[in-house]
Amino acid sequence: MSEREIEGVVEEEIPRGLYAVRADDGRRLTASLPIRSKHAIVALLRGDRVVVQVSSTDTSRARIVRKI
């Protein structure tokens, strides 16, 4: 994992294909799936552990890298 990648738990699915993720350090992030994952059948449910890559410009936004 790089320094911008952190682990968290999916709290809920929100509109427009976004997810609310609670990071292990307590932050709440709005995360999206990469385009390549949207085309594949990827199911994320509340409680799933994920690794997210936090945006360098807006630390409340992230991209879901993988499901743990």
PDB file of N, CA and C in Angstrom:
ATOM      1  N   MET A   1       0.839  -1.191   0.000  1.00  0.00           N
ATOM      2  CA  MET A   1       0.000   0.000   0.000  1.00  0.00           C
ATOM      3  C   MET A   1       0.876   1.243   0.000  1.00  0.00           C
ATOM      4  N   SER A   2       0.479   2.217  -0.773  1.00  0.00           N
ATOM      5  CA  SER A   2       1.215   3.479  -0.777  1.00  0.00           C
ATOM      6  C   SER A   2       0.737   4.341   0.389  1.00  0.00           C
ATOM      7  N   GLU A   3       1.385   5.477   0.576  1.00  0.00           N
ATOM      8  CA  GLU A   3       1.023   6.336   1.701  1.00  0.00           C
ATOM      9  C   GLU A   3      -0.367   6.943   1.554  1.00  0.00           C
ATOM     10  N   ARG A   4      -0.881   7.042   0.327  1.00  0.00           N
ATOM     11  CA  ARG A   4      -2.222   7.591   0.124  1.00  0.00           C
ATOM     12  C   ARG A   4      -3.296   6.517   0.172  1.00  0.00           C
ATOM     13  N   GLU A   5      -2.924   5.242   0.257  1.00  0.00           N
ATOM     14  CA  GLU A   5      -3.892   4.160   0.335  1.00  0.00           C
ATOM     15  C   GLU A   5      -4.135   3.799   1.788  1.00  0.00           C
ATOM     16  N   ILE A   6      -5.406   3.729   2.149  1.00  0.00           N
ATOM     17  CA  ILE A   6      -5.773   3.360   3.508  1.00  0.00           C
ATOM     18  C   ILE A   6      -6.912   2.349   3.461  1.00  0.00           C
ATOM     19  N   GLU A   7      -7.100   1.634   4.550  1.00  0.00           N
ATOM     20  CA  GLU A   7      -8.178   0.657   4.641  1.00  0.00           C
ATOM     21  C   GLU A   7      -9.384   1.287   5.314  1.00  0.00           C
ATOM     22  N   GLY A   8     -10.544   0.747   4.985  1.00  0.00           N
ATOM     23  CA  GLY A   8     -11.766   1.242   5.587  1.00  0.00           C
ATOM     24  C   GLY A   8     -12.909   0.255   5.405  1.00  0.00           C
ATOM     25  N   VAL A   9     -14.095   0.658   5.866  1.00  0.00           N
ATOM     26  CA  VAL A   9     -15.284  -0.178   5.805  1.00  0.00           C
ATOM     27  C   VAL A   9     -16.380   0.597   5.086  1.00  0.00           C
ATOM     28  N   VAL A  10     -17.067  -0.072   4.158  1.00  0.00           N
ATOM     29  CA  VAL A  10     -18.176   0.556   3.444  1.00  0.00           C
ATOM     30  C   VAL A  10     -19.335   0.733   4.426  1.00  0.00           C
ATOM     31  N   GLU A  11     -19.799   1.981   4.579  1.00  0.00           N
ATOM     32  CA  GLU A  11     -20.932   2.258   5.466  1.00  0.00           C
ATOM     33  C   GLU A  11     -22.260   2.222   4.730  1.00  0.00           C
ATOM     34  N   GLU A  12     -22.282   2.786   3.505  1.00  0.00           N
ATOM     35  CA  GLU A  12     -23.522   2.789   2.732  1.00  0.00           C
ATOM     36  C   GLU A  12     -23.234   3.126   1.281  1.00  0.00           C
ATOM     37  N   GLU A  13     -24.193   2.764   0.421  1.00  0.00           N
ATOM     38  CA  GLU A  13     -24.120   3.150  -0.984  1.00  0.00           C
ATOM     39  C   GLU A  13     -24.944   4.416  -1.138  1.00  0.00           C
ATOM     40  N   ILE A  14     -24.375   5.420  -1.778  1.00  0.00           N
ATOM     41  CA  ILE A  14     -25.077   6.674  -1.984  1.00  0.00           C
ATOM     42  C   ILE A  14     -25.281   6.882  -3.488  1.00  0.00           C
ATOM     43  N   PRO A  15     -26.156   7.777  -3.903  1.00  0.00           N
ATOM     44  CA  PRO A  15     -26.468   7.937  -5.327  1.00  0.00           C
ATOM     45  C   PRO A  15     -25.247   8.185  -6.210  1.00  0.00           C
ATOM     46  N   ARG A  16     -25.433   7.923  -7.503  1.00  0.00           N
ATOM     47  CA  ARG A  16     -24.425   8.113  -8.557  1.00  0.00           C
ATOM     48  C   ARG A  16     -23.239   7.170  -8.439  1.00  0.00           C
ATOM     49  N   GLY A  17     -23.445   5.988  -7.901  1.00  0.00           N
ATOM     50  CA  GLY A  17     -22.377   4.994  -7.833  1.00  0.00           C
ATOM     51  C   GLY A  17     -21.298   5.301  -6.826  1.00  0.00           C
ATOM     52  N   LEU A  18     -21.609   6.095  -5.821  1.00  0.00           N
ATOM     53  CA  LEU A  18     -20.632   6.448  -4.791  1.00  0.00           C
ATOM     54  C   LEU A  18     -20.898   5.643  -3.528  1.00  0.00           C
ATOM     55  N   TYR A  19     -19.879   5.554  -2.698  1.00  0.00           N
ATOM     56  CA  TYR A  19     -19.973   4.820  -1.435  1.00  0.00           C
ATOM     57  C   TYR A  19     -19.432   5.680  -0.305  1.00  0.00           C
ATOM     58  N   ALA A  20     -20.067   5.596   0.849  1.00  0.00           N
ATOM     59  CA  ALA A  20     -19.547   6.230   2.056  1.00  0.00           C
ATOM     60  C   ALA A  20     -18.662   5.193   2.738  1.00  0.00           C
ATOM     61  N   VAL A  21     -17.405   5.555   2.940  1.00  0.00           N
ATOM     62  CA  VAL A  21     -16.428   4.640   3.532  1.00  0.00           C
ATOM     63  C   VAL A  21     -15.886   5.269   4.809  1.00  0.00           C
ATOM     64  N   ARG A  22     -15.886   4.494   5.902  1.00  0.00           N
ATOM     65  CA  ARG A  22     -15.296   4.943   7.163  1.00  0.00           C
ATOM     66  C   ARG A  22     -13.881   4.377   7.219  1.00  0.00           C
ATOM     67  N   ALA A  23     -12.904   5.265   7.167  1.00  0.00           N
ATOM     68  CA  ALA A  23     -11.499   4.851   7.203  1.00  0.00           C
ATOM     69  C   ALA A  23     -11.136   4.373   8.605  1.00  0.00           C
ATOM     70  N   ASP A  24     -10.088   3.570   8.677  1.00  0.00           N
ATOM     71  CA  ASP A  24      -9.646   3.047   9.971  1.00  0.00           C
ATOM     72  C   ASP A  24      -9.218   4.155  10.928  1.00  0.00           C
ATOM     73  N   ASP A  25      -8.814   5.306  10.396  1.00  0.00           N
ATOM     74  CA  ASP A  25      -8.414   6.417  11.260  1.00  0.00           C
ATOM     75  C   ASP A  25      -9.609   7.285  11.671  1.00  0.00           C
ATOM     76  N   GLY A  26     -10.824   6.892  11.285  1.00  0.00           N
ATOM     77  CA  GLY A  26     -12.029   7.590  11.724  1.00  0.00           C
ATOM     78  C   GLY A  26     -12.626   8.558  10.723  1.00  0.00           C
ATOM     79  N   ARG A  27     -11.904   8.892   9.654  1.00  0.00           N
ATOM     80  CA  ARG A  27     -12.432   9.823   8.643  1.00  0.00           C
ATOM     81  C   ARG A  27     -13.548   9.170   7.842  1.00  0.00           C
ATOM     82  N   ARG A  28     -14.505   9.981   7.400  1.00  0.00           N
ATOM     83  CA  ARG A  28     -15.553   9.503   6.502  1.00  0.00           C
ATOM     84  C   ARG A  28     -15.231  10.018   5.105  1.00  0.00           C
ATOM     85  N   LEU A  29     -15.133   9.097   4.149  1.00  0.00           N
ATOM     86  CA  LEU A  29     -14.750   9.429   2.789  1.00  0.00           C
ATOM     87  C   LEU A  29     -15.889   9.110   1.833  1.00  0.00           C
ATOM     88  N   THR A  30     -15.981   9.880   0.761  1.00  0.00           N
ATOM     89  CA  THR A  30     -16.886   9.578  -0.335  1.00  0.00           C
ATOM     90  C   THR A  30     -16.027   8.933  -1.409  1.00  0.00           C
ATOM     91  N   ALA A  31     -16.306   7.663  -1.698  1.00  0.00           N
ATOM     92  CA  ALA A  31     -15.447   6.905  -2.607  1.00  0.00           C
ATOM     93  C   ALA A  31     -16.218   6.415  -3.822  1.00  0.00           C
ATOM     94  N   SER A  32     -15.498   6.288  -4.929  1.00  0.00           N
ATOM     95  CA  SER A  32     -16.089   5.778  -6.161  1.00  0.00           C
ATOM     96  C   SER A  32     -15.278   4.584  -6.643  1.00  0.00           C
ATOM     97  N   LEU A  33     -15.897   3.816  -7.531  1.00  0.00           N
ATOM     98  CA  LEU A  33     -15.200   2.709  -8.168  1.00  0.00           C
ATOM     99  C   LEU A  33     -14.520   3.213  -9.435  1.00  0.00           C
ATOM    100  N   PRO A  34     -13.353   2.671  -9.784  1.00  0.00           N
ATOM    101  CA  PRO A  34     -12.745   3.029 -11.060  1.00  0.00           C
ATOM    102  C   PRO A  34     -13.634   2.556 -12.212  1.00  0.00           C
ATOM    103  N   ILE A  35     -13.516   3.176 -13.372  1.00  0.00           N
ATOM    104  CA  ILE A  35     -14.364   2.840 -14.516  1.00  0.00           C
ATOM    105  C   ILE A  35     -14.236   1.371 -14.887  1.00  0.00           C
ATOM    106  N   ARG A  36     -13.042   0.821 -14.828  1.00  0.00           N
ATOM    107  CA  ARG A  36     -12.872  -0.583 -15.208  1.00  0.00           C
ATOM    108  C   ARG A  36     -13.647  -1.511 -14.262  1.00  0.00           C
ATOM    109  N   SER A  37     -13.825  -1.132 -13.006  1.00  0.00           N
ATOM    110  CA  SER A  37     -14.571  -1.952 -12.061  1.00  0.00           C
ATOM    111  C   SER A  37     -16.073  -1.807 -12.259  1.00  0.00           C
ATOM    112  N   LYS A  38     -16.523  -0.666 -12.781  1.00  0.00           N
ATOM    113  CA  LYS A  38     -17.945  -0.478 -13.018  1.00  0.00           C
ATOM    114  C   LYS A  38     -18.446  -1.417 -14.100  1.00  0.00           C
ATOM    115  N   HIS A  39     -17.572  -1.749 -15.067  1.00  0.00           N
ATOM    116  CA  HIS A  39     -17.970  -2.648 -16.150  1.00  0.00           C
ATOM    117  C   HIS A  39     -17.992  -4.095 -15.691  1.00  0.00           C
ATOM    118  N   ALA A  40     -17.177  -4.432 -14.733  1.00  0.00           N
ATOM    119  CA  ALA A  40     -17.185  -5.777 -14.172  1.00  0.00           C
ATOM    120  C   ALA A  40     -18.291  -5.850 -13.118  1.00  0.00           C
ATOM    121  N   ILE A  41     -18.678  -7.053 -12.794  1.00  0.00           N
ATOM    122  CA  ILE A  41     -19.709  -7.201 -11.769  1.00  0.00           C
ATOM    123  C   ILE A  41     -19.021  -7.115 -10.415  1.00  0.00           C
ATOM    124  N   VAL A  42     -19.145  -5.966  -9.776  1.00  0.00           N
ATOM    125  CA  VAL A  42     -18.535  -5.741  -8.473  1.00  0.00           C
ATOM    126  C   VAL A  42     -19.655  -5.386  -7.507  1.00  0.00           C
ATOM    127  N   ALA A  43     -19.793  -6.171  -6.474  1.00  0.00           N
ATOM    128  CA  ALA A  43     -20.832  -5.902  -5.484  1.00  0.00           C
ATOM    129  C   ALA A  43     -20.168  -5.500  -4.176  1.00  0.00           C
ATOM    130  N   LEU A  44     -20.455  -4.307  -3.735  1.00  0.00           N
ATOM    131  CA  LEU A  44     -19.971  -3.844  -2.441  1.00  0.00           C
ATOM    132  C   LEU A  44     -21.172  -3.695  -1.532  1.00  0.00           C
ATOM    133  N   LEU A  45     -21.082  -4.273  -0.371  1.00  0.00           N
ATOM    134  CA  LEU A  45     -22.165  -4.221   0.593  1.00  0.00           C
ATOM    135  C   LEU A  45     -21.693  -3.526   1.857  1.00  0.00           C
ATOM    136  N   ARG A  46     -22.645  -3.059   2.651  1.00  0.00           N
ATOM    137  CA  ARG A  46     -22.313  -2.446   3.932  1.00  0.00           C
ATOM    138  C   ARG A  46     -21.507  -3.436   4.767  1.00  0.00           C
ATOM    139  N   GLY A  47     -20.400  -2.960   5.310  1.00  0.00           N
ATOM    140  CA  GLY A  47     -19.547  -3.808   6.143  1.00  0.00           C
ATOM    141  C   GLY A  47     -18.360  -4.405   5.414  1.00  0.00           C
ATOM    142  N   ASP A  48     -18.319  -4.311   4.080  1.00  0.00           N
ATOM    143  CA  ASP A  48     -17.178  -4.834   3.328  1.00  0.00           C
ATOM    144  C   ASP A  48     -15.939  -3.988   3.604  1.00  0.00           C
ATOM    145  N   ARG A  49     -14.796  -4.657   3.769  1.00  0.00           N
ATOM    146  CA  ARG A  49     -13.528  -3.947   3.956  1.00  0.00           C
ATOM    147  C   ARG A  49     -12.923  -3.674   2.592  1.00  0.00           C
ATOM    148  N   VAL A  50     -12.435  -2.455   2.415  1.00  0.00           N
ATOM    149  CA  VAL A  50     -11.851  -2.035   1.138  1.00  0.00           C
ATOM    150  C   VAL A  50     -10.571  -1.247   1.387  1.00  0.00           C
ATOM    151  N   VAL A  51      -9.750  -1.168   0.347  1.00  0.00           N
ATOM    152  CA  VAL A  51      -8.584  -0.290   0.336  1.00  0.00           C
ATOM    153  C   VAL A  51      -8.931   0.857  -0.593  1.00  0.00           C
ATOM    154  N   VAL A  52      -8.759   2.083  -0.116  1.00  0.00           N
ATOM    155  CA  VAL A  52      -9.078   3.260  -0.919  1.00  0.00           C
ATOM    156  C   VAL A  52      -7.833   4.112  -1.103  1.00  0.00           C
ATOM    157  N   GLN A  53      -7.797   4.812  -2.225  1.00  0.00           N
ATOM    158  CA  GLN A  53      -6.707   5.745  -2.516  1.00  0.00           C
ATOM    159  C   GLN A  53      -7.274   7.146  -2.357  1.00  0.00           C
ATOM    160  N   VAL A  54      -6.780   7.891  -1.383  1.00  0.00           N
ATOM    161  CA  VAL A  54      -7.294   9.216  -1.050  1.00  0.00           C
ATOM    162  C   VAL A  54      -6.763  10.239  -2.045  1.00  0.00           C
ATOM    163  N   SER A  55      -7.639  11.130  -2.487  1.00  0.00           N
ATOM    164  CA  SER A  55      -7.259  12.188  -3.418  1.00  0.00           C
ATOM    165  C   SER A  55      -6.297  13.160  -2.735  1.00  0.00           C
ATOM    166  N   SER A  56      -5.316  13.616  -3.487  1.00  0.00           N
ATOM    167  CA  SER A  56      -4.353  14.558  -2.920  1.00  0.00           C
ATOM    168  C   SER A  56      -4.916  15.980  -2.866  1.00  0.00           C
ATOM    169  N   THR A  57      -5.914  16.278  -3.692  1.00  0.00           N
ATOM    170  CA  THR A  57      -6.481  17.629  -3.709  1.00  0.00           C
ATOM    171  C   THR A  57      -7.676  17.787  -2.771  1.00  0.00           C
ATOM    172  N   ASP A  58      -8.457  16.726  -2.570  1.00  0.00           N
ATOM    173  CA  ASP A  58      -9.629  16.770  -1.689  1.00  0.00           C
ATOM    174  C   ASP A  58      -9.592  15.524  -0.825  1.00  0.00           C
ATOM    175  N   THR A  59      -9.173  15.667   0.419  1.00  0.00           N
ATOM    176  CA  THR A  59      -8.968  14.499   1.283  1.00  0.00           C
ATOM    177  C   THR A  59     -10.255  13.845   1.770  1.00  0.00           C
ATOM    178  N   SER A  60     -11.411  14.379   1.369  1.00  0.00           N
ATOM    179  CA  SER A  60     -12.668  13.717   1.713  1.00  0.00           C
ATOM    180  C   SER A  60     -13.149  12.815   0.578  1.00  0.00           C
ATOM    181  N   ARG A  61     -12.417  12.798  -0.548  1.00  0.00           N
ATOM    182  CA  ARG A  61     -12.766  11.974  -1.710  1.00  0.00           C
ATOM    183  C   ARG A  61     -11.718  10.875  -1.893  1.00  0.00           C
ATOM    184  N   ALA A  62     -12.177   9.727  -2.391  1.00  0.00           N
ATOM    185  CA  ALA A  62     -11.261   8.607  -2.579  1.00  0.00           C
ATOM    186  C   ALA A  62     -11.746   7.722  -3.720  1.00  0.00           C
ATOM    187  N   ARG A  63     -10.872   6.838  -4.163  1.00  0.00           N
ATOM    188  CA  ARG A  63     -11.195   5.840  -5.174  1.00  0.00           C
ATOM    189  C   ARG A  63     -10.974   4.463  -4.541  1.00  0.00           C
ATOM    190  N   ILE A  64     -11.929   3.575  -4.718  1.00  0.00           N
ATOM    191  CA  ILE A  64     -11.810   2.229  -4.171  1.00  0.00           C
ATOM    192  C   ILE A  64     -10.844   1.446  -5.059  1.00  0.00           C
ATOM    193  N   VAL A  65      -9.763   0.949  -4.448  1.00  0.00           N
ATOM    194  CA  VAL A  65      -8.724   0.234  -5.176  1.00  0.00           C
ATOM    195  C   VAL A  65      -9.031  -1.255  -5.232  1.00  0.00           C
ATOM    196  N   ARG A  66      -9.404  -1.816  -4.092  1.00  0.00           N
ATOM    197  CA  ARG A  66      -9.731  -3.248  -4.064  1.00  0.00           C
ATOM    198  C   ARG A  66     -10.554  -3.585  -2.825  1.00  0.00           C
ATOM    199  N   LYS A  67     -11.221  -4.710  -2.930  1.00  0.00           N
ATOM    200  CA  LYS A  67     -12.014  -5.244  -1.826  1.00  0.00           C
ATOM    201  C   LYS A  67     -11.152  -6.257  -1.084  1.00  0.00           C
ATOM    202  N   ILE A  68     -11.164  -6.202   0.227  1.00  0.00           N
ATOM    203  CA  ILE A  68     -10.331  -7.109   1.029  1.00  0.00           C
ATOM    204  C   ILE A  68     -11.156  -8.313   1.428  1.00  0.00           C
TER     205      ILE A  68
END
